[in-house]
Amino acid sequence: MLNHPEAMGIANVGTGCSRSFNDVALAVINTCREGRGEPEWSLQDAQESEAIVYFPLPAELKGKYQSFTEADLKELRALGYANEMTSLEAGVRHYVHDLTE
């Protein structure tokens, strides 16, 4: 959008595809495993190894926490942005590599 200063407005930015916290955690785990030359894990592998552990939602957050989000890209597309979005896995891989290199 930097190349289109005439495009103005407020737009959601995201992939337009809802993903779970499990997906985010698994992407981080598998990026780290890849960096060590280890094979990718499934969600079940991560749960069984206790790399992913679940805790109950705190009572004070019940009814206040938004558990589902999905960016509506209509406005972004209407502003002229037509590029493909970066996948969760590719974005996490890039971020983790930036942190560890």
PDB file of N, CA and C in Angstrom:
ATOM      1  N   MET A   1       0.822  -1.188   0.000  1.00  0.00           N
ATOM      2  CA  MET A   1       0.000   0.000   0.000  1.00  0.00           C
ATOM      3  C   MET A   1       0.873   1.262   0.000  1.00  0.00           C
ATOM      4  N   LEU A   2       2.153   1.127   0.341  1.00  0.00           N
ATOM      5  CA  LEU A   2       3.038   2.286   0.307  1.00  0.00           C
ATOM      6  C   LEU A   2       3.132   2.866  -1.099  1.00  0.00           C
ATOM      7  N   ASN A   3       2.942   2.047  -2.103  1.00  0.00           N
ATOM      8  CA  ASN A   3       3.015   2.497  -3.492  1.00  0.00           C
ATOM      9  C   ASN A   3       1.705   3.098  -3.974  1.00  0.00           C
ATOM     10  N   HIS A   4       0.689   3.158  -3.096  1.00  0.00           N
ATOM     11  CA  HIS A   4      -0.623   3.687  -3.480  1.00  0.00           C
ATOM     12  C   HIS A   4      -1.128   4.671  -2.421  1.00  0.00           C
ATOM     13  N   PRO A   5      -0.499   5.860  -2.335  1.00  0.00           N
ATOM     14  CA  PRO A   5      -0.907   6.820  -1.306  1.00  0.00           C
ATOM     15  C   PRO A   5      -2.345   7.311  -1.481  1.00  0.00           C
ATOM     16  N   GLU A   6      -2.921   7.114  -2.658  1.00  0.00           N
ATOM     17  CA  GLU A   6      -4.309   7.523  -2.877  1.00  0.00           C
ATOM     18  C   GLU A   6      -5.298   6.599  -2.184  1.00  0.00           C
ATOM     19  N   ALA A   7      -4.870   5.399  -1.836  1.00  0.00           N
ATOM     20  CA  ALA A   7      -5.737   4.442  -1.154  1.00  0.00           C
ATOM     21  C   ALA A   7      -5.829   4.834   0.313  1.00  0.00           C
ATOM     22  N   MET A   8      -7.017   5.160   0.743  1.00  0.00           N
ATOM     23  CA  MET A   8      -7.224   5.592   2.119  1.00  0.00           C
ATOM     24  C   MET A   8      -8.384   4.819   2.718  1.00  0.00           C
ATOM     25  N   GLY A   9      -8.307   4.576   4.001  1.00  0.00           N
ATOM     26  CA  GLY A   9      -9.402   3.914   4.692  1.00  0.00           C
ATOM     27  C   GLY A   9      -8.893   3.013   5.788  1.00  0.00           C
ATOM     28  N   ILE A  10      -9.814   2.378   6.444  1.00  0.00           N
ATOM     29  CA  ILE A  10      -9.496   1.447   7.518  1.00  0.00           C
ATOM     30  C   ILE A  10      -9.855   0.060   7.020  1.00  0.00           C
ATOM     31  N   ALA A  11      -8.905  -0.861   7.147  1.00  0.00           N
ATOM     32  CA  ALA A  11      -9.142  -2.213   6.646  1.00  0.00           C
ATOM     33  C   ALA A  11      -8.516  -3.233   7.596  1.00  0.00           C
ATOM     34  N   ASN A  12      -9.176  -4.361   7.730  1.00  0.00           N
ATOM     35  CA  ASN A  12      -8.589  -5.477   8.456  1.00  0.00           C
ATOM     36  C   ASN A  12      -7.416  -6.008   7.659  1.00  0.00           C
ATOM     37  N   VAL A  13      -6.388  -6.437   8.367  1.00  0.00           N
ATOM     38  CA  VAL A  13      -5.251  -7.067   7.724  1.00  0.00           C
ATOM     39  C   VAL A  13      -5.073  -8.425   8.373  1.00  0.00           C
ATOM     40  N   GLY A  14      -5.023  -9.431   7.583  1.00  0.00           N
ATOM     41  CA  GLY A  14      -4.869 -10.807   8.060  1.00  0.00           C
ATOM     42  C   GLY A  14      -4.918 -11.712   6.857  1.00  0.00           C
ATOM     43  N   THR A  15      -5.100 -12.975   7.093  1.00  0.00           N
ATOM     44  CA  THR A  15      -5.165 -13.905   5.970  1.00  0.00           C
ATOM     45  C   THR A  15      -6.590 -14.130   5.505  1.00  0.00           C
ATOM     46  N   GLY A  16      -7.556 -13.790   6.361  1.00  0.00           N
ATOM     47  CA  GLY A  16      -8.949 -14.074   6.035  1.00  0.00           C
ATOM     48  C   GLY A  16      -9.313 -15.509   6.362  1.00  0.00           C
ATOM     49  N   CYS A  17      -8.414 -16.210   7.021  1.00  0.00           N
ATOM     50  CA  CYS A  17      -8.606 -17.620   7.356  1.00  0.00           C
ATOM     51  C   CYS A  17      -8.328 -17.803   8.846  1.00  0.00           C
ATOM     52  N   SER A  18      -9.323 -18.209   9.600  1.00  0.00           N
ATOM     53  CA  SER A  18      -9.151 -18.395  11.034  1.00  0.00           C
ATOM     54  C   SER A  18      -8.207 -19.553  11.329  1.00  0.00           C
ATOM     55  N   ARG A  19      -7.344 -19.359  12.313  1.00  0.00           N
ATOM     56  CA  ARG A  19      -6.414 -20.411  12.748  1.00  0.00           C
ATOM     57  C   ARG A  19      -6.452 -20.495  14.268  1.00  0.00           C
ATOM     58  N   SER A  20      -6.129 -21.644  14.803  1.00  0.00           N
ATOM     59  CA  SER A  20      -6.206 -21.860  16.248  1.00  0.00           C
ATOM     60  C   SER A  20      -4.880 -21.535  16.939  1.00  0.00           C
ATOM     61  N   PHE A  21      -4.952 -21.401  18.273  1.00  0.00           N
ATOM     62  CA  PHE A  21      -3.737 -21.239  19.058  1.00  0.00           C
ATOM     63  C   PHE A  21      -2.865 -22.484  18.934  1.00  0.00           C
ATOM     64  N   ASN A  22      -3.484 -23.653  18.789  1.00  0.00           N
ATOM     65  CA  ASN A  22      -2.707 -24.876  18.553  1.00  0.00           C
ATOM     66  C   ASN A  22      -1.864 -24.739  17.292  1.00  0.00           C
ATOM     67  N   ASP A  23      -2.444 -24.161  16.241  1.00  0.00           N
ATOM     68  CA  ASP A  23      -1.713 -23.965  14.983  1.00  0.00           C
ATOM     69  C   ASP A  23      -0.503 -23.058  15.186  1.00  0.00           C
ATOM     70  N   VAL A  24      -0.686 -21.983  15.964  1.00  0.00           N
ATOM     71  CA  VAL A  24       0.417 -21.053  16.222  1.00  0.00           C
ATOM     72  C   VAL A  24       1.510 -21.756  17.021  1.00  0.00           C
ATOM     73  N   ALA A  25       1.115 -22.435  18.097  1.00  0.00           N
ATOM     74  CA  ALA A  25       2.097 -23.128  18.942  1.00  0.00           C
ATOM     75  C   ALA A  25       2.856 -24.184  18.146  1.00  0.00           C
ATOM     76  N   LEU A  26       2.133 -24.953  17.349  1.00  0.00           N
ATOM     77  CA  LEU A  26       2.770 -26.009  16.563  1.00  0.00           C
ATOM     78  C   LEU A  26       3.720 -25.426  15.512  1.00  0.00           C
ATOM     79  N   ALA A  27       3.359 -24.289  14.940  1.00  0.00           N
ATOM     80  CA  ALA A  27       4.249 -23.635  13.972  1.00  0.00           C
ATOM     81  C   ALA A  27       5.554 -23.209  14.640  1.00  0.00           C
ATOM     82  N   VAL A  28       5.472 -22.685  15.870  1.00  0.00           N
ATOM     83  CA  VAL A  28       6.683 -22.288  16.596  1.00  0.00           C
ATOM     84  C   VAL A  28       7.518 -23.524  16.921  1.00  0.00           C
ATOM     85  N   ILE A  29       6.875 -24.553  17.454  1.00  0.00           N
ATOM     86  CA  ILE A  29       7.581 -25.787  17.817  1.00  0.00           C
ATOM     87  C   ILE A  29       8.278 -26.380  16.601  1.00  0.00           C
ATOM     88  N   ASN A  30       7.557 -26.492  15.501  1.00  0.00           N
ATOM     89  CA  ASN A  30       8.140 -27.133  14.316  1.00  0.00           C
ATOM     90  C   ASN A  30       9.216 -26.285  13.648  1.00  0.00           C
ATOM     91  N   THR A  31       9.123 -24.973  13.756  1.00  0.00           N
ATOM     92  CA  THR A  31      10.197 -24.119  13.246  1.00  0.00           C
ATOM     93  C   THR A  31      11.463 -24.344  14.063  1.00  0.00           C
ATOM     94  N   CYS A  32      11.319 -24.435  15.366  1.00  0.00           N
ATOM     95  CA  CYS A  32      12.487 -24.695  16.234  1.00  0.00           C
ATOM     96  C   CYS A  32      13.042 -26.095  15.981  1.00  0.00           C
ATOM     97  N   ARG A  33      12.169 -27.060  15.818  1.00  0.00           N
ATOM     98  CA  ARG A  33      12.618 -28.426  15.542  1.00  0.00           C
ATOM     99  C   ARG A  33      13.350 -28.478  14.200  1.00  0.00           C
ATOM    100  N   GLU A  34      12.832 -27.788  13.211  1.00  0.00           N
ATOM    101  CA  GLU A  34      13.471 -27.735  11.888  1.00  0.00           C
ATOM    102  C   GLU A  34      14.888 -27.175  12.006  1.00  0.00           C
ATOM    103  N   GLY A  35      15.053 -26.132  12.817  1.00  0.00           N
ATOM    104  CA  GLY A  35      16.360 -25.513  13.011  1.00  0.00           C
ATOM    105  C   GLY A  35      17.376 -26.443  13.659  1.00  0.00           C
ATOM    106  N   ARG A  36      16.881 -27.435  14.388  1.00  0.00           N
ATOM    107  CA  ARG A  36      17.768 -28.416  15.018  1.00  0.00           C
ATOM    108  C   ARG A  36      17.886 -29.699  14.196  1.00  0.00           C
ATOM    109  N   GLY A  37      17.275 -29.696  13.002  1.00  0.00           N
ATOM    110  CA  GLY A  37      17.335 -30.869  12.137  1.00  0.00           C
ATOM    111  C   GLY A  37      16.452 -32.013  12.613  1.00  0.00           C
ATOM    112  N   GLU A  38      15.437 -31.699  13.422  1.00  0.00           N
ATOM    113  CA  GLU A  38      14.528 -32.715  13.949  1.00  0.00           C
ATOM    114  C   GLU A  38      13.269 -32.789  13.105  1.00  0.00           C
ATOM    115  N   PRO A  39      12.613 -33.941  13.065  1.00  0.00           N
ATOM    116  CA  PRO A  39      11.401 -34.072  12.253  1.00  0.00           C
ATOM    117  C   PRO A  39      10.230 -33.272  12.833  1.00  0.00           C
ATOM    118  N   GLU A  40       9.315 -32.919  11.948  1.00  0.00           N
ATOM    119  CA  GLU A  40       8.122 -32.168  12.332  1.00  0.00           C
ATOM    120  C   GLU A  40       7.242 -33.002  13.252  1.00  0.00           C
ATOM    121  N   TRP A  41       6.582 -32.331  14.186  1.00  0.00           N
ATOM    122  CA  TRP A  41       5.642 -32.987  15.088  1.00  0.00           C
ATOM    123  C   TRP A  41       4.213 -32.714  14.659  1.00  0.00           C
ATOM    124  N   SER A  42       3.349 -33.650  14.962  1.00  0.00           N
ATOM    125  CA  SER A  42       1.912 -33.444  14.846  1.00  0.00           C
ATOM    126  C   SER A  42       1.436 -32.802  16.151  1.00  0.00           C
ATOM    127  N   LEU A  43       0.199 -32.355  16.178  1.00  0.00           N
ATOM    128  CA  LEU A  43      -0.367 -31.812  17.405  1.00  0.00           C
ATOM    129  C   LEU A  43      -0.331 -32.870  18.504  1.00  0.00           C
ATOM    130  N   GLN A  44      -0.645 -34.107  18.154  1.00  0.00           N
ATOM    131  CA  GLN A  44      -0.633 -35.184  19.147  1.00  0.00           C
ATOM    132  C   GLN A  44       0.776 -35.377  19.723  1.00  0.00           C
ATOM    133  N   ASP A  45       1.801 -35.328  18.876  1.00  0.00           N
ATOM    134  CA  ASP A  45       3.181 -35.438  19.356  1.00  0.00           C
ATOM    135  C   ASP A  45       3.481 -34.335  20.376  1.00  0.00           C
ATOM    136  N   ALA A  46       3.090 -33.118  20.049  1.00  0.00           N
ATOM    137  CA  ALA A  46       3.371 -31.975  20.920  1.00  0.00           C
ATOM    138  C   ALA A  46       2.620 -32.095  22.244  1.00  0.00           C
ATOM    139  N   GLN A  47       1.394 -32.593  22.191  1.00  0.00           N
ATOM    140  CA  GLN A  47       0.618 -32.781  23.417  1.00  0.00           C
ATOM    141  C   GLN A  47       1.210 -33.902  24.272  1.00  0.00           C
ATOM    142  N   GLU A  48       1.560 -35.014  23.649  1.00  0.00           N
ATOM    143  CA  GLU A  48       2.098 -36.151  24.394  1.00  0.00           C
ATOM    144  C   GLU A  48       3.450 -35.831  25.034  1.00  0.00           C
ATOM    145  N   SER A  49       4.250 -34.986  24.380  1.00  0.00           N
ATOM    146  CA  SER A  49       5.551 -34.608  24.935  1.00  0.00           C
ATOM    147  C   SER A  49       5.422 -33.475  25.947  1.00  0.00           C
ATOM    148  N   GLU A  50       4.226 -32.951  26.085  1.00  0.00           N
ATOM    149  CA  GLU A  50       3.904 -31.810  26.951  1.00  0.00           C
ATOM    150  C   GLU A  50       4.582 -30.519  26.509  1.00  0.00           C
ATOM    151  N   ALA A  51       4.910 -30.443  25.218  1.00  0.00           N
ATOM    152  CA  ALA A  51       5.361 -29.175  24.654  1.00  0.00           C
ATOM    153  C   ALA A  51       4.166 -28.221  24.554  1.00  0.00           C
ATOM    154  N   ILE A  52       2.974 -28.793  24.394  1.00  0.00           N
ATOM    155  CA  ILE A  52       1.722 -28.028  24.442  1.00  0.00           C
ATOM    156  C   ILE A  52       0.926 -28.579  25.616  1.00  0.00           C
ATOM    157  N   VAL A  53       0.642 -27.689  26.571  1.00  0.00           N
ATOM    158  CA  VAL A  53      -0.119 -28.044  27.767  1.00  0.00           C
ATOM    159  C   VAL A  53      -1.266 -27.048  27.889  1.00  0.00           C
ATOM    160  N   TYR A  54      -2.415 -27.508  28.302  1.00  0.00           N
ATOM    161  CA  TYR A  54      -3.602 -26.662  28.395  1.00  0.00           C
ATOM    162  C   TYR A  54      -3.903 -26.280  29.833  1.00  0.00           C
ATOM    163  N   PHE A  55      -4.377 -25.055  30.011  1.00  0.00           N
ATOM    164  CA  PHE A  55      -4.790 -24.550  31.315  1.00  0.00           C
ATOM    165  C   PHE A  55      -6.211 -24.027  31.180  1.00  0.00           C
ATOM    166  N   PRO A  56      -7.004 -24.116  32.238  1.00  0.00           N
ATOM    167  CA  PRO A  56      -8.376 -23.600  32.159  1.00  0.00           C
ATOM    168  C   PRO A  56      -8.371 -22.073  31.969  1.00  0.00           C
ATOM    169  N   LEU A  57      -9.371 -21.590  31.283  1.00  0.00           N
ATOM    170  CA  LEU A  57      -9.531 -20.144  31.096  1.00  0.00           C
ATOM    171  C   LEU A  57      -9.832 -19.526  32.458  1.00  0.00           C
ATOM    172  N   PRO A  58      -9.091 -18.497  32.850  1.00  0.00           N
ATOM    173  CA  PRO A  58      -9.366 -17.857  34.142  1.00  0.00           C
ATOM    174  C   PRO A  58     -10.804 -17.346  34.210  1.00  0.00           C
ATOM    175  N   ALA A  59     -11.408 -17.498  35.360  1.00  0.00           N
ATOM    176  CA  ALA A  59     -12.815 -17.121  35.548  1.00  0.00           C
ATOM    177  C   ALA A  59     -13.078 -15.670  35.148  1.00  0.00           C
ATOM    178  N   GLU A  60     -12.111 -14.777  35.435  1.00  0.00           N
ATOM    179  CA  GLU A  60     -12.326 -13.352  35.128  1.00  0.00           C
ATOM    180  C   GLU A  60     -12.348 -13.065  33.625  1.00  0.00           C
ATOM    181  N   LEU A  61     -11.911 -14.010  32.798  1.00  0.00           N
ATOM    182  CA  LEU A  61     -11.948 -13.815  31.340  1.00  0.00           C
ATOM    183  C   LEU A  61     -13.172 -14.452  30.678  1.00  0.00           C
ATOM    184  N   LYS A  62     -13.879 -15.287  31.412  1.00  0.00           N
ATOM    185  CA  LYS A  62     -15.068 -15.943  30.829  1.00  0.00           C
ATOM    186  C   LYS A  62     -16.082 -14.899  30.396  1.00  0.00           C
ATOM    187  N   GLY A  63     -16.539 -15.022  29.166  1.00  0.00           N
ATOM    188  CA  GLY A  63     -17.492 -14.083  28.605  1.00  0.00           C
ATOM    189  C   GLY A  63     -16.863 -12.812  28.066  1.00  0.00           C
ATOM    190  N   LYS A  64     -15.555 -12.645  28.247  1.00  0.00           N
ATOM    191  CA  LYS A  64     -14.848 -11.445  27.785  1.00  0.00           C
ATOM    192  C   LYS A  64     -13.828 -11.758  26.696  1.00  0.00           C
ATOM    193  N   TYR A  65     -13.506 -13.015  26.558  1.00  0.00           N
ATOM    194  CA  TYR A  65     -12.423 -13.419  25.662  1.00  0.00           C
ATOM    195  C   TYR A  65     -12.979 -13.772  24.290  1.00  0.00           C
ATOM    196  N   GLN A  66     -12.404 -13.219  23.250  1.00  0.00           N
ATOM    197  CA  GLN A  66     -12.828 -13.514  21.887  1.00  0.00           C
ATOM    198  C   GLN A  66     -12.056 -14.733  21.392  1.00  0.00           C
ATOM    199  N   SER A  67     -12.742 -15.852  21.270  1.00  0.00           N
ATOM    200  CA  SER A  67     -12.057 -17.100  20.931  1.00  0.00           C
ATOM    201  C   SER A  67     -12.020 -17.377  19.428  1.00  0.00           C
ATOM    202  N   PHE A  68     -12.712 -16.597  18.637  1.00  0.00           N
ATOM    203  CA  PHE A  68     -12.693 -16.802  17.190  1.00  0.00           C
ATOM    204  C   PHE A  68     -12.531 -15.456  16.508  1.00  0.00           C
ATOM    205  N   THR A  69     -11.518 -15.345  15.655  1.00  0.00           N
ATOM    206  CA  THR A  69     -11.337 -14.141  14.845  1.00  0.00           C
ATOM    207  C   THR A  69     -10.992 -14.565  13.416  1.00  0.00           C
ATOM    208  N   GLU A  70     -11.409 -13.748  12.490  1.00  0.00           N
ATOM    209  CA  GLU A  70     -11.093 -13.998  11.083  1.00  0.00           C
ATOM    210  C   GLU A  70     -11.226 -12.670  10.353  1.00  0.00           C
ATOM    211  N   ALA A  71     -10.123 -12.175   9.854  1.00  0.00           N
ATOM    212  CA  ALA A  71     -10.121 -10.877   9.186  1.00  0.00           C
ATOM    213  C   ALA A  71     -11.024 -10.901   7.953  1.00  0.00           C
ATOM    214  N   ASP A  72     -11.857  -9.895   7.848  1.00  0.00           N
ATOM    215  CA  ASP A  72     -12.679  -9.700   6.655  1.00  0.00           C
ATOM    216  C   ASP A  72     -11.863  -8.805   5.724  1.00  0.00           C
ATOM    217  N   LEU A  73     -11.448  -9.340   4.601  1.00  0.00           N
ATOM    218  CA  LEU A  73     -10.530  -8.639   3.707  1.00  0.00           C
ATOM    219  C   LEU A  73     -11.213  -7.788   2.637  1.00  0.00           C
ATOM    220  N   LYS A  74     -12.541  -7.663   2.685  1.00  0.00           N
ATOM    221  CA  LYS A  74     -13.258  -6.914   1.643  1.00  0.00           C
ATOM    222  C   LYS A  74     -12.719  -5.495   1.467  1.00  0.00           C
ATOM    223  N   GLU A  75     -12.546  -4.769   2.561  1.00  0.00           N
ATOM    224  CA  GLU A  75     -12.069  -3.383   2.468  1.00  0.00           C
ATOM    225  C   GLU A  75     -10.639  -3.319   1.951  1.00  0.00           C
ATOM    226  N   LEU A  76      -9.782  -4.209   2.433  1.00  0.00           N
ATOM    227  CA  LEU A  76      -8.399  -4.236   1.970  1.00  0.00           C
ATOM    228  C   LEU A  76      -8.338  -4.506   0.475  1.00  0.00           C
ATOM    229  N   ARG A  77      -9.128  -5.465   0.017  1.00  0.00           N
ATOM    230  CA  ARG A  77      -9.172  -5.785  -1.413  1.00  0.00           C
ATOM    231  C   ARG A  77      -9.761  -4.615  -2.202  1.00  0.00           C
ATOM    232  N   ALA A  78     -10.775  -3.955  -1.647  1.00  0.00           N
ATOM    233  CA  ALA A  78     -11.388  -2.805  -2.330  1.00  0.00           C
ATOM    234  C   ALA A  78     -10.397  -1.649  -2.464  1.00  0.00           C
ATOM    235  N   LEU A  79      -9.451  -1.562  -1.535  1.00  0.00           N
ATOM    236  CA  LEU A  79      -8.419  -0.522  -1.617  1.00  0.00           C
ATOM    237  C   LEU A  79      -7.355  -0.855  -2.654  1.00  0.00           C
ATOM    238  N   GLY A  80      -7.428  -2.059  -3.217  1.00  0.00           N
ATOM    239  CA  GLY A  80      -6.515  -2.430  -4.291  1.00  0.00           C
ATOM    240  C   GLY A  80      -5.448  -3.427  -3.923  1.00  0.00           C
ATOM    241  N   TYR A  81      -5.451  -3.917  -2.689  1.00  0.00           N
ATOM    242  CA  TYR A  81      -4.435  -4.900  -2.308  1.00  0.00           C
ATOM    243  C   TYR A  81      -4.859  -6.274  -2.805  1.00  0.00           C
ATOM    244  N   ALA A  82      -4.090  -6.814  -3.747  1.00  0.00           N
ATOM    245  CA  ALA A  82      -4.460  -8.083  -4.367  1.00  0.00           C
ATOM    246  C   ALA A  82      -3.451  -9.201  -4.095  1.00  0.00           C
ATOM    247  N   ASN A  83      -2.352  -8.883  -3.407  1.00  0.00           N
ATOM    248  CA  ASN A  83      -1.326  -9.901  -3.168  1.00  0.00           C
ATOM    249  C   ASN A  83      -1.840 -11.029  -2.280  1.00  0.00           C
ATOM    250  N   GLU A  84      -1.182 -12.176  -2.397  1.00  0.00           N
ATOM    251  CA  GLU A  84      -1.494 -13.311  -1.544  1.00  0.00           C
ATOM    252  C   GLU A  84      -0.969 -13.014  -0.139  1.00  0.00           C
ATOM    253  N   MET A  85      -1.658 -13.514   0.858  1.00  0.00           N
ATOM    254  CA  MET A  85      -1.238 -13.299   2.241  1.00  0.00           C
ATOM    255  C   MET A  85      -0.194 -14.334   2.640  1.00  0.00           C
ATOM    256  N   THR A  86       0.661 -13.966   3.561  1.00  0.00           N
ATOM    257  CA  THR A  86       1.667 -14.881   4.099  1.00  0.00           C
ATOM    258  C   THR A  86       0.974 -15.895   4.989  1.00  0.00           C
ATOM    259  N   SER A  87       1.314 -17.159   4.840  1.00  0.00           N
ATOM    260  CA  SER A  87       0.705 -18.190   5.684  1.00  0.00           C
ATOM    261  C   SER A  87       1.184 -18.048   7.118  1.00  0.00           C
ATOM    262  N   LEU A  88       0.420 -18.577   8.045  1.00  0.00           N
ATOM    263  CA  LEU A  88       0.809 -18.584   9.451  1.00  0.00           C
ATOM    264  C   LEU A  88       2.171 -19.232   9.624  1.00  0.00           C
ATOM    265  N   GLU A  89       2.362 -20.389   9.016  1.00  0.00           N
ATOM    266  CA  GLU A  89       3.621 -21.122   9.155  1.00  0.00           C
ATOM    267  C   GLU A  89       4.806 -20.328   8.620  1.00  0.00           C
ATOM    268  N   ALA A  90       4.642 -19.699   7.451  1.00  0.00           N
ATOM    269  CA  ALA A  90       5.734 -18.906   6.873  1.00  0.00           C
ATOM    270  C   ALA A  90       6.022 -17.672   7.722  1.00  0.00           C
ATOM    271  N   GLY A  91       4.990 -17.022   8.235  1.00  0.00           N
ATOM    272  CA  GLY A  91       5.180 -15.851   9.087  1.00  0.00           C
ATOM    273  C   GLY A  91       5.881 -16.203  10.389  1.00  0.00           C
ATOM    274  N   VAL A  92       5.468 -17.299  11.023  1.00  0.00           N
ATOM    275  CA  VAL A  92       6.112 -17.742  12.262  1.00  0.00           C
ATOM    276  C   VAL A  92       7.563 -18.117  11.987  1.00  0.00           C
ATOM    277  N   ARG A  93       7.808 -18.847  10.895  1.00  0.00           N
ATOM    278  CA  ARG A  93       9.173 -19.254  10.546  1.00  0.00           C
ATOM    279  C   ARG A  93      10.059 -18.024  10.389  1.00  0.00           C
ATOM    280  N   HIS A  94       9.590 -17.018   9.680  1.00  0.00           N
ATOM    281  CA  HIS A  94      10.343 -15.783   9.469  1.00  0.00           C
ATOM    282  C   HIS A  94      10.621 -15.092  10.806  1.00  0.00           C
ATOM    283  N   TYR A  95       9.615 -14.984  11.643  1.00  0.00           N
ATOM    284  CA  TYR A  95       9.751 -14.307  12.935  1.00  0.00           C
ATOM    285  C   TYR A  95      10.721 -15.046  13.846  1.00  0.00           C
ATOM    286  N   VAL A  96      10.580 -16.370  13.942  1.00  0.00           N
ATOM    287  CA  VAL A  96      11.466 -17.159  14.807  1.00  0.00           C
ATOM    288  C   VAL A  96      12.899 -17.067  14.317  1.00  0.00           C
ATOM    289  N   HIS A  97      13.105 -17.129  13.017  1.00  0.00           N
ATOM    290  CA  HIS A  97      14.460 -17.001  12.471  1.00  0.00           C
ATOM    291  C   HIS A  97      15.051 -15.638  12.799  1.00  0.00           C
ATOM    292  N   ASP A  98      14.241 -14.580  12.719  1.00  0.00           N
ATOM    293  CA  ASP A  98      14.726 -13.236  13.072  1.00  0.00           C
ATOM    294  C   ASP A  98      15.136 -13.169  14.539  1.00  0.00           C
ATOM    295  N   LEU A  99      14.415 -13.860  15.401  1.00  0.00           N
ATOM    296  CA  LEU A  99      14.727 -13.846  16.834  1.00  0.00           C
ATOM    297  C   LEU A  99      15.951 -14.663  17.182  1.00  0.00           C
ATOM    298  N   THR A 100      16.213 -15.701  16.402  1.00  0.00           N
ATOM    299  CA  THR A 100      17.270 -16.637  16.774  1.00  0.00           C
ATOM    300  C   THR A 100      18.565 -16.459  15.981  1.00  0.00           C
ATOM    301  N   GLU A 101      18.570 -15.597  14.995  1.00  0.00           N
ATOM    302  CA  GLU A 101      19.783 -15.398  14.194  1.00  0.00           C
ATOM    303  C   GLU A 101      20.480 -14.120  14.544  1.00  0.00           C
TER     304      GLU A 101
END
